[in-house]
Amino acid sequence: MTAPTRDVLVLPPGYRSREVGLFAAQLDDQSARLTKDTRGLTPAVLAWQPAPGLNTIGMLLAHIAIAEVYWTQVGPLAKPSFESLSVIGIGGDDDGMPLADGGSPAAPLMGRDLAFFDDLLARARDHTKRALAGLGDADLEREIARPGPGGTVRGVVNLRWILYHMVEHEAGHYGQINLLRHQHRLAGGVG
């Protein structure tokens, strides 16, 4: 019989706001689960595509890192524009998403090993945690106009929603990654 697991969420030290610290803990918990479930994936599995035009696990991992940098910069850091190259070493479009119908996996990610993707995610998270540490409860109410195509505004979000969305975004793509692992196994692969 397997021993029961113990899942607890501990508020990390170093945050002005308990609520912000809770979001950081949620992000870290999601990342720990994602990391555990991706151990042992080879470059071939990371680049496997179930059909042309569909994402790979590597593309999704890179996308999680890029999106986290994006939301951290437009939200907590209030930067007027987004730039990921200096933070994680790849550009905002290097995940190849969205792929065109029938498209091939993102060329900048081909042949990359798990350590490469782990590094992207770790660098993005370090960037996020540094940006979150000084936020207070009142900061979570700050609203940001969400830019859309051609200088339009898609809508308005507050920092609390951005932090929620960062957790929700990673969790959604984590589910996709697990589905791709399952599809790969069914196609005769491992992982």
C-alpha atoms as a PDB file:
ATOM      1  CA  MET A   1       0.000   0.000   0.000  1.00  0.00           C
ATOM      2  CA  THR A   2       1.290   3.443  -0.911  1.00  0.00           C
ATOM      3  CA  ALA A   3       1.624   6.008   1.847  1.00  0.00           C
ATOM      4  CA  PRO A   4      -0.846   8.890   1.579  1.00  0.00           C
ATOM      5  CA  THR A   5       0.482  12.057   0.029  1.00  0.00           C
ATOM      6  CA  ARG A   6       0.575  15.362   1.824  1.00  0.00           C
ATOM      7  CA  ASP A   7      -0.319  18.344  -0.318  1.00  0.00           C
ATOM      8  CA  VAL A   8       0.015  21.642   1.504  1.00  0.00           C
ATOM      9  CA  LEU A   9       0.461  25.178   0.259  1.00  0.00           C
ATOM     10  CA  VAL A  10       2.819  27.175   2.438  1.00  0.00           C
ATOM     11  CA  LEU A  11       3.019  30.940   2.182  1.00  0.00           C
ATOM     12  CA  PRO A  12       6.572  31.798   1.181  1.00  0.00           C
ATOM     13  CA  PRO A  13       8.513  34.494   3.007  1.00  0.00           C
ATOM     14  CA  GLY A  14       9.656  37.698   1.344  1.00  0.00           C
ATOM     15  CA  TYR A  15       6.363  39.125   0.069  1.00  0.00           C
ATOM     16  CA  ARG A  16       4.796  42.336   1.414  1.00  0.00           C
ATOM     17  CA  SER A  17       1.331  40.953   0.755  1.00  0.00           C
ATOM     18  CA  ARG A  18       0.033  37.592   1.946  1.00  0.00           C
ATOM     19  CA  GLU A  19      -2.285  37.482  -1.076  1.00  0.00           C
ATOM     20  CA  VAL A  20       0.593  38.035  -3.484  1.00  0.00           C
ATOM     21  CA  GLY A  21       2.600  35.402  -1.601  1.00  0.00           C
ATOM     22  CA  LEU A  22      -0.296  32.981  -2.030  1.00  0.00           C
ATOM     23  CA  PHE A  23      -0.284  33.544  -5.805  1.00  0.00           C
ATOM     24  CA  ALA A  24       3.486  32.936  -5.835  1.00  0.00           C
ATOM     25  CA  ALA A  25       2.977  29.707  -3.874  1.00  0.00           C
ATOM     26  CA  GLN A  26       0.276  28.587  -6.326  1.00  0.00           C
ATOM     27  CA  LEU A  27       2.576  29.278  -9.286  1.00  0.00           C
ATOM     28  CA  ASP A  28       5.370  27.327  -7.630  1.00  0.00           C
ATOM     29  CA  ASP A  29       3.045  24.407  -6.856  1.00  0.00           C
ATOM     30  CA  GLN A  30       1.905  24.244 -10.486  1.00  0.00           C
ATOM     31  CA  SER A  31       5.515  24.379 -11.644  1.00  0.00           C
ATOM     32  CA  ALA A  32       6.582  21.628  -9.243  1.00  0.00           C
ATOM     33  CA  ARG A  33       3.830  19.362 -10.592  1.00  0.00           C
ATOM     34  CA  LEU A  34       4.730  20.188 -14.198  1.00  0.00           C
ATOM     35  CA  THR A  35       8.407  19.545 -13.499  1.00  0.00           C
ATOM     36  CA  LYS A  36       7.681  16.187 -11.868  1.00  0.00           C
ATOM     37  CA  ASP A  37       5.538  15.050 -14.803  1.00  0.00           C
ATOM     38  CA  THR A  38       8.042  16.040 -17.480  1.00  0.00           C
ATOM     39  CA  ARG A  39      11.118  14.301 -16.034  1.00  0.00           C
ATOM     40  CA  GLY A  40      12.814  12.016 -18.489  1.00  0.00           C
ATOM     41  CA  LEU A  41      11.303  13.529 -21.632  1.00  0.00           C
ATOM     42  CA  THR A  42      13.807  13.381 -24.464  1.00  0.00           C
ATOM     43  CA  PRO A  43      14.327  16.022 -27.159  1.00  0.00           C
ATOM     44  CA  ALA A  44      12.387  13.743 -29.531  1.00  0.00           C
ATOM     45  CA  VAL A  45       9.378  13.604 -27.194  1.00  0.00           C
ATOM     46  CA  LEU A  46       9.573  17.358 -26.537  1.00  0.00           C
ATOM     47  CA  ALA A  47       9.470  17.990 -30.303  1.00  0.00           C
ATOM     48  CA  TRP A  48       6.861  15.318 -31.140  1.00  0.00           C
ATOM     49  CA  GLN A  49       3.826  16.639 -32.953  1.00  0.00           C
ATOM     50  CA  PRO A  50       0.653  14.517 -33.064  1.00  0.00           C
ATOM     51  CA  ALA A  51      -0.228  16.034 -36.458  1.00  0.00           C
ATOM     52  CA  PRO A  52       0.934  18.986 -38.544  1.00  0.00           C
ATOM     53  CA  GLY A  53      -0.324  22.256 -37.107  1.00  0.00           C
ATOM     54  CA  LEU A  54      -0.497  20.982 -33.523  1.00  0.00           C
ATOM     55  CA  ASN A  55       1.713  22.132 -30.656  1.00  0.00           C
ATOM     56  CA  THR A  56       4.560  20.142 -29.173  1.00  0.00           C
ATOM     57  CA  ILE A  57       5.377  19.762 -25.494  1.00  0.00           C
ATOM     58  CA  GLY A  58       8.465  21.918 -26.028  1.00  0.00           C
ATOM     59  CA  MET A  59       6.407  24.662 -27.640  1.00  0.00           C
ATOM     60  CA  LEU A  60       3.994  24.648 -24.707  1.00  0.00           C
ATOM     61  CA  LEU A  61       6.822  24.797 -22.144  1.00  0.00           C
ATOM     62  CA  ALA A  62       8.401  27.735 -23.979  1.00  0.00           C
ATOM     63  CA  HIS A  63       4.993  29.403 -24.259  1.00  0.00           C
ATOM     64  CA  ILE A  64       4.396  29.108 -20.506  1.00  0.00           C
ATOM     65  CA  ALA A  65       7.716  30.882 -19.871  1.00  0.00           C
ATOM     66  CA  ILE A  66       7.117  33.595 -22.493  1.00  0.00           C
ATOM     67  CA  ALA A  67       3.573  34.282 -21.261  1.00  0.00           C
ATOM     68  CA  GLU A  68       4.752  34.525 -17.661  1.00  0.00           C
ATOM     69  CA  VAL A  69       7.354  37.111 -18.650  1.00  0.00           C
ATOM     70  CA  TYR A  70       4.717  38.984 -20.680  1.00  0.00           C
ATOM     71  CA  TRP A  71       2.202  39.197 -17.834  1.00  0.00           C
ATOM     72  CA  THR A  72       4.890  40.102 -15.310  1.00  0.00           C
ATOM     73  CA  GLN A  73       6.106  42.938 -17.493  1.00  0.00           C
ATOM     74  CA  VAL A  74       2.731  44.427 -18.436  1.00  0.00           C
ATOM     75  CA  GLY A  75       1.309  43.879 -14.952  1.00  0.00           C
ATOM     76  CA  PRO A  76       3.512  44.148 -11.857  1.00  0.00           C
ATOM     77  CA  LEU A  77       6.368  45.905 -13.677  1.00  0.00           C
ATOM     78  CA  ALA A  78       4.024  48.194 -15.663  1.00  0.00           C
ATOM     79  CA  LYS A  79       6.319  48.200 -18.695  1.00  0.00           C
ATOM     80  CA  PRO A  80       4.882  49.870 -21.786  1.00  0.00           C
ATOM     81  CA  SER A  81       6.059  47.021 -24.004  1.00  0.00           C
ATOM     82  CA  PHE A  82       7.002  43.357 -23.714  1.00  0.00           C
ATOM     83  CA  GLU A  83      10.437  41.855 -24.277  1.00  0.00           C
ATOM     84  CA  SER A  84      11.496  38.341 -23.250  1.00  0.00           C
ATOM     85  CA  LEU A  85      14.898  37.850 -24.903  1.00  0.00           C
ATOM     86  CA  SER A  86      16.875  39.540 -22.122  1.00  0.00           C
ATOM     87  CA  VAL A  87      14.938  37.654 -19.426  1.00  0.00           C
ATOM     88  CA  ILE A  88      14.785  34.061 -20.695  1.00  0.00           C
ATOM     89  CA  GLY A  89      16.984  34.030 -23.785  1.00  0.00           C
ATOM     90  CA  ILE A  90      14.265  33.566 -26.415  1.00  0.00           C
ATOM     91  CA  GLY A  91      11.974  36.053 -28.117  1.00  0.00           C
ATOM     92  CA  GLY A  92       8.249  36.387 -27.688  1.00  0.00           C
ATOM     93  CA  ASP A  93       7.502  34.586 -30.945  1.00  0.00           C
ATOM     94  CA  ASP A  94      10.075  31.799 -30.565  1.00  0.00           C
ATOM     95  CA  ASP A  95       7.477  29.359 -29.215  1.00  0.00           C
ATOM     96  CA  GLY A  96       5.947  29.265 -32.708  1.00  0.00           C
ATOM     97  CA  MET A  97       2.455  29.756 -31.345  1.00  0.00           C
ATOM     98  CA  PRO A  98      -0.047  29.870 -32.810  1.00  0.00           C
ATOM     99  CA  LEU A  99       0.963  27.399 -35.480  1.00  0.00           C
ATOM    100  CA  ALA A 100      -0.565  27.732 -38.905  1.00  0.00           C
ATOM    101  CA  ASP A 101      -2.818  24.920 -40.078  1.00  0.00           C
ATOM    102  CA  GLY A 102      -0.485  22.133 -41.123  1.00  0.00           C
ATOM    103  CA  GLY A 103       2.509  23.960 -39.639  1.00  0.00           C
ATOM    104  CA  SER A 104       5.705  22.409 -38.351  1.00  0.00           C
ATOM    105  CA  PRO A 105       7.055  22.772 -34.807  1.00  0.00           C
ATOM    106  CA  ALA A 106       8.914  25.948 -33.896  1.00  0.00           C
ATOM    107  CA  ALA A 107      12.418  25.786 -35.393  1.00  0.00           C
ATOM    108  CA  PRO A 108      14.165  27.594 -32.473  1.00  0.00           C
ATOM    109  CA  LEU A 109      13.013  24.790 -30.155  1.00  0.00           C
ATOM    110  CA  MET A 110      13.911  21.768 -32.262  1.00  0.00           C
ATOM    111  CA  GLY A 111      16.479  19.424 -30.720  1.00  0.00           C
ATOM    112  CA  ARG A 112      16.348  21.191 -27.350  1.00  0.00           C
ATOM    113  CA  ASP A 113      16.595  19.060 -24.255  1.00  0.00           C
ATOM    114  CA  LEU A 114      14.570  19.229 -21.063  1.00  0.00           C
ATOM    115  CA  ALA A 115      17.283  21.247 -19.309  1.00  0.00           C
ATOM    116  CA  PHE A 116      16.767  24.029 -21.873  1.00  0.00           C
ATOM    117  CA  PHE A 117      13.042  24.233 -21.091  1.00  0.00           C
ATOM    118  CA  ASP A 118      13.609  23.911 -17.338  1.00  0.00           C
ATOM    119  CA  ASP A 119      15.954  26.903 -17.581  1.00  0.00           C
ATOM    120  CA  LEU A 120      13.389  28.981 -19.490  1.00  0.00           C
ATOM    121  CA  LEU A 121      10.761  28.287 -16.850  1.00  0.00           C
ATOM    122  CA  ALA A 122      13.132  28.931 -13.931  1.00  0.00           C
ATOM    123  CA  ARG A 123      14.316  32.240 -15.387  1.00  0.00           C
ATOM    124  CA  ALA A 124      10.748  33.359 -16.033  1.00  0.00           C
ATOM    125  CA  ARG A 125       9.740  32.465 -12.469  1.00  0.00           C
ATOM    126  CA  ASP A 126      12.727  34.254 -10.953  1.00  0.00           C
ATOM    127  CA  HIS A 127      11.734  37.355 -12.939  1.00  0.00           C
ATOM    128  CA  THR A 128       8.161  37.048 -11.663  1.00  0.00           C
ATOM    129  CA  LYS A 129       9.103  36.554  -8.019  1.00  0.00           C
ATOM    130  CA  ARG A 130      11.402  39.577  -8.038  1.00  0.00           C
ATOM    131  CA  ALA A 131       8.577  41.666  -9.516  1.00  0.00           C
ATOM    132  CA  LEU A 132       6.010  40.402  -6.992  1.00  0.00           C
ATOM    133  CA  ALA A 133       8.039  40.732  -3.800  1.00  0.00           C
ATOM    134  CA  GLY A 134       7.399  44.431  -3.266  1.00  0.00           C
ATOM    135  CA  LEU A 135       3.702  44.486  -4.146  1.00  0.00           C
ATOM    136  CA  GLY A 136       1.238  45.371  -1.412  1.00  0.00           C
ATOM    137  CA  ASP A 137      -2.445  44.510  -1.181  1.00  0.00           C
ATOM    138  CA  ALA A 138      -3.496  47.865  -2.673  1.00  0.00           C
ATOM    139  CA  ASP A 139      -1.326  47.207  -5.741  1.00  0.00           C
ATOM    140  CA  LEU A 140      -3.580  44.290  -6.673  1.00  0.00           C
ATOM    141  CA  GLU A 141      -6.380  46.756  -7.469  1.00  0.00           C
ATOM    142  CA  ARG A 142      -4.290  48.604 -10.093  1.00  0.00           C
ATOM    143  CA  GLU A 143      -5.942  48.331 -13.486  1.00  0.00           C
ATOM    144  CA  ILE A 144      -4.133  47.897 -16.772  1.00  0.00           C
ATOM    145  CA  ALA A 145      -5.493  48.425 -20.274  1.00  0.00           C
ATOM    146  CA  ARG A 146      -4.810  45.195 -22.116  1.00  0.00           C
ATOM    147  CA  PRO A 147      -3.400  46.044 -25.557  1.00  0.00           C
ATOM    148  CA  GLY A 148      -4.978  44.565 -28.640  1.00  0.00           C
ATOM    149  CA  PRO A 149      -4.070  44.511 -32.327  1.00  0.00           C
ATOM    150  CA  GLY A 150      -3.372  47.805 -34.078  1.00  0.00           C
ATOM    151  CA  GLY A 151      -3.238  49.874 -30.905  1.00  0.00           C
ATOM    152  CA  THR A 152      -6.719  48.890 -29.760  1.00  0.00           C
ATOM    153  CA  VAL A 153      -7.600  47.999 -26.181  1.00  0.00           C
ATOM    154  CA  ARG A 154      -8.912  44.467 -25.581  1.00  0.00           C
ATOM    155  CA  GLY A 155     -10.144  45.279 -22.143  1.00  0.00           C
ATOM    156  CA  VAL A 156      -9.065  46.218 -18.654  1.00  0.00           C
ATOM    157  CA  VAL A 157      -7.644  43.848 -16.059  1.00  0.00           C
ATOM    158  CA  ASN A 158      -6.322  44.380 -12.566  1.00  0.00           C
ATOM    159  CA  LEU A 159      -3.132  42.918 -11.089  1.00  0.00           C
ATOM    160  CA  ARG A 160      -5.108  40.400  -9.048  1.00  0.00           C
ATOM    161  CA  TRP A 161      -6.630  39.035 -12.273  1.00  0.00           C
ATOM    162  CA  ILE A 162      -3.202  38.924 -13.917  1.00  0.00           C
ATOM    163  CA  LEU A 163      -1.812  36.806 -11.069  1.00  0.00           C
ATOM    164  CA  TYR A 164      -4.873  34.551 -11.197  1.00  0.00           C
ATOM    165  CA  HIS A 165      -4.476  34.236 -14.965  1.00  0.00           C
ATOM    166  CA  MET A 166      -0.809  33.297 -14.653  1.00  0.00           C
ATOM    167  CA  VAL A 167      -1.793  30.349 -12.422  1.00  0.00           C
ATOM    168  CA  GLU A 168      -4.721  29.414 -14.663  1.00  0.00           C
ATOM    169  CA  HIS A 169      -2.608  29.699 -17.826  1.00  0.00           C
ATOM    170  CA  GLU A 170       0.117  27.376 -16.566  1.00  0.00           C
ATOM    171  CA  ALA A 171      -2.436  24.882 -15.251  1.00  0.00           C
ATOM    172  CA  GLY A 172      -4.246  24.770 -18.609  1.00  0.00           C
ATOM    173  CA  HIS A 173      -1.086  24.150 -20.589  1.00  0.00           C
ATOM    174  CA  TYR A 174       0.081  21.607 -18.003  1.00  0.00           C
ATOM    175  CA  GLY A 175      -3.065  19.651 -18.846  1.00  0.00           C
ATOM    176  CA  GLN A 176      -2.265  19.887 -22.560  1.00  0.00           C
ATOM    177  CA  ILE A 177       1.274  18.653 -21.898  1.00  0.00           C
ATOM    178  CA  ASN A 178      -0.032  15.618 -20.034  1.00  0.00           C
ATOM    179  CA  LEU A 179      -2.449  14.916 -22.887  1.00  0.00           C
ATOM    180  CA  LEU A 180       0.425  15.099 -25.398  1.00  0.00           C
ATOM    181  CA  ARG A 181       2.460  12.685 -23.257  1.00  0.00           C
ATOM    182  CA  HIS A 182      -0.495  10.282 -23.295  1.00  0.00           C
ATOM    183  CA  GLN A 183      -0.986  10.662 -27.070  1.00  0.00           C
ATOM    184  CA  HIS A 184       2.720  10.040 -27.620  1.00  0.00           C
ATOM    185  CA  ARG A 185       2.549   6.807 -25.599  1.00  0.00           C
ATOM    186  CA  LEU A 186      -0.504   5.683 -27.582  1.00  0.00           C
ATOM    187  CA  ALA A 187       1.391   6.376 -30.809  1.00  0.00           C
ATOM    188  CA  GLY A 188       4.046   3.900 -29.685  1.00  0.00           C
ATOM    189  CA  GLY A 189       6.433   6.258 -27.930  1.00  0.00           C
ATOM    190  CA  VAL A 190       7.405   6.560 -24.302  1.00  0.00           C
ATOM    191  CA  GLY A 191       6.960   9.513 -21.956  1.00  0.00           C
END
